[in-house]
C-alpha atoms as a PDB file:
ATOM      1  CA  UNK A   1      63.626  52.041 -17.687  1.00  0.00           C
ATOM      2  CA  UNK A   2      60.925  50.443 -19.813  1.00  0.00           C
ATOM      3  CA  UNK A   3      61.692  47.225 -21.660  1.00  0.00           C
ATOM      4  CA  UNK A   4      61.888  47.715 -25.405  1.00  0.00           C
ATOM      5  CA  UNK A   5      59.988  45.413 -27.688  1.00  0.00           C
ATOM      6  CA  UNK A   6      62.241  43.550 -30.082  1.00  0.00           C
ATOM      7  CA  UNK A   7      61.052  42.841 -33.630  1.00  0.00           C
ATOM      8  CA  UNK A   8      59.613  39.373 -33.773  1.00  0.00           C
ATOM      9  CA  UNK A   9      61.424  36.799 -35.863  1.00  0.00           C
ATOM     10  CA  UNK A  10      58.708  35.439 -38.134  1.00  0.00           C
ATOM     11  CA  UNK A  11      60.721  32.349 -39.106  1.00  0.00           C
ATOM     12  CA  UNK A  12      60.265  29.311 -36.902  1.00  0.00           C
ATOM     13  CA  UNK A  13      59.800  25.575 -37.170  1.00  0.00           C
ATOM     14  CA  UNK A  14      56.407  23.933 -37.649  1.00  0.00           C
ATOM     15  CA  UNK A  15      55.359  22.569 -34.239  1.00  0.00           C
ATOM     16  CA  UNK A  16      54.107  19.336 -35.854  1.00  0.00           C
ATOM     17  CA  UNK A  17      56.762  18.270 -38.379  1.00  0.00           C
ATOM     18  CA  UNK A  18      59.669  20.650 -37.721  1.00  0.00           C
ATOM     19  CA  UNK A  19      59.910  22.066 -41.260  1.00  0.00           C
ATOM     20  CA  UNK A  20      60.673  25.792 -41.557  1.00  0.00           C
ATOM     21  CA  UNK A  21      57.475  27.844 -41.358  1.00  0.00           C
ATOM     22  CA  UNK A  22      56.493  31.513 -41.394  1.00  0.00           C
ATOM     23  CA  UNK A  23      54.492  32.459 -38.293  1.00  0.00           C
ATOM     24  CA  UNK A  24      52.360  35.035 -40.110  1.00  0.00           C
ATOM     25  CA  UNK A  25      51.494  33.102 -43.278  1.00  0.00           C
ATOM     26  CA  UNK A  26      47.707  32.936 -43.568  1.00  0.00           C
ATOM     27  CA  UNK A  27      45.810  30.694 -43.329  1.00  0.00           C
ATOM     28  CA  UNK A  28      48.181  28.089 -41.866  1.00  0.00           C
ATOM     29  CA  UNK A  29      50.732  30.048 -39.776  1.00  0.00           C
ATOM     30  CA  UNK A  30      52.495  29.003 -37.552  1.00  0.00           C
ATOM     31  CA  UNK A  31      52.241  25.642 -39.306  1.00  0.00           C
ATOM     32  CA  UNK A  32      53.888  24.773 -42.619  1.00  0.00           C
ATOM     33  CA  UNK A  33      50.697  23.357 -44.183  1.00  0.00           C
ATOM     34  CA  UNK A  34      46.977  22.793 -43.699  1.00  0.00           C
ATOM     35  CA  UNK A  35      47.782  19.140 -42.976  1.00  0.00           C
ATOM     36  CA  UNK A  36      49.997  20.041 -39.988  1.00  0.00           C
ATOM     37  CA  UNK A  37      47.408  22.560 -38.780  1.00  0.00           C
ATOM     38  CA  UNK A  38      44.732  19.839 -38.845  1.00  0.00           C
ATOM     39  CA  UNK A  39      47.001  17.338 -37.066  1.00  0.00           C
ATOM     40  CA  UNK A  40      47.602  19.872 -34.274  1.00  0.00           C
ATOM     41  CA  UNK A  41      43.864  20.573 -33.955  1.00  0.00           C
ATOM     42  CA  UNK A  42      43.248  16.833 -33.661  1.00  0.00           C
ATOM     43  CA  UNK A  43      45.773  16.636 -30.813  1.00  0.00           C
ATOM     44  CA  UNK A  44      43.940  19.399 -28.924  1.00  0.00           C
ATOM     45  CA  UNK A  45      40.541  17.799 -29.547  1.00  0.00           C
ATOM     46  CA  UNK A  46      41.855  14.386 -28.501  1.00  0.00           C
ATOM     47  CA  UNK A  47      43.289  15.994 -25.330  1.00  0.00           C
ATOM     48  CA  UNK A  48      46.828  15.013 -26.274  1.00  0.00           C
ATOM     49  CA  UNK A  49      47.603  18.734 -25.816  1.00  0.00           C
ATOM     50  CA  UNK A  50      46.081  20.545 -22.849  1.00  0.00           C
ATOM     51  CA  UNK A  51      46.620  23.553 -20.629  1.00  0.00           C
ATOM     52  CA  UNK A  52      48.133  22.255 -17.401  1.00  0.00           C
ATOM     53  CA  UNK A  53      46.307  24.579 -15.017  1.00  0.00           C
ATOM     54  CA  UNK A  54      43.834  27.467 -15.105  1.00  0.00           C
ATOM     55  CA  UNK A  55      45.407  30.902 -15.520  1.00  0.00           C
ATOM     56  CA  UNK A  56      45.600  32.985 -12.346  1.00  0.00           C
ATOM     57  CA  UNK A  57      46.022  36.780 -12.074  1.00  0.00           C
ATOM     58  CA  UNK A  58      49.670  36.377 -11.032  1.00  0.00           C
ATOM     59  CA  UNK A  59      50.399  34.776 -14.426  1.00  0.00           C
ATOM     60  CA  UNK A  60      49.787  38.188 -16.005  1.00  0.00           C
ATOM     61  CA  UNK A  61      51.930  40.321 -13.652  1.00  0.00           C
ATOM     62  CA  UNK A  62      54.989  40.253 -15.917  1.00  0.00           C
ATOM     63  CA  UNK A  63      52.883  41.596 -18.809  1.00  0.00           C
ATOM     64  CA  UNK A  64      51.365  44.545 -16.923  1.00  0.00           C
ATOM     65  CA  UNK A  65      54.323  46.791 -17.847  1.00  0.00           C
ATOM     66  CA  UNK A  66      53.874  45.958 -21.516  1.00  0.00           C
ATOM     67  CA  UNK A  67      50.154  46.819 -21.302  1.00  0.00           C
ATOM     68  CA  UNK A  68      51.068  50.415 -20.538  1.00  0.00           C
ATOM     69  CA  UNK A  69      53.467  50.595 -23.484  1.00  0.00           C
ATOM     70  CA  UNK A  70      51.018  50.992 -26.341  1.00  0.00           C
ATOM     71  CA  UNK A  71      49.126  47.716 -25.957  1.00  0.00           C
ATOM     72  CA  UNK A  72      45.470  47.774 -25.014  1.00  0.00           C
ATOM     73  CA  UNK A  73      45.119  45.389 -22.053  1.00  0.00           C
ATOM     74  CA  UNK A  74      41.478  44.683 -22.917  1.00  0.00           C
ATOM     75  CA  UNK A  75      42.178  43.032 -26.253  1.00  0.00           C
ATOM     76  CA  UNK A  76      45.979  42.848 -26.481  1.00  0.00           C
ATOM     77  CA  UNK A  77      46.111  44.963 -29.665  1.00  0.00           C
ATOM     78  CA  UNK A  78      48.754  47.598 -30.186  1.00  0.00           C
ATOM     79  CA  UNK A  79      47.465  51.131 -30.376  1.00  0.00           C
END
């Protein structure tokens, strides 16, 4: 049995300030404002945020089933 993809809830909280935000709102989504988007970028550039370890092939194993279900594994886009 293949897992079914659930519709994504577009409403979430801004990762910087916690205000409600719409994930798909250009150009600031998933942030509530350009200010919060810039603050988050500054945290990445200042290395306050970082990826803890390099990605290994086994990190992707759980997504291999999804790749066969209408998602192009090369670019992650749905077909």
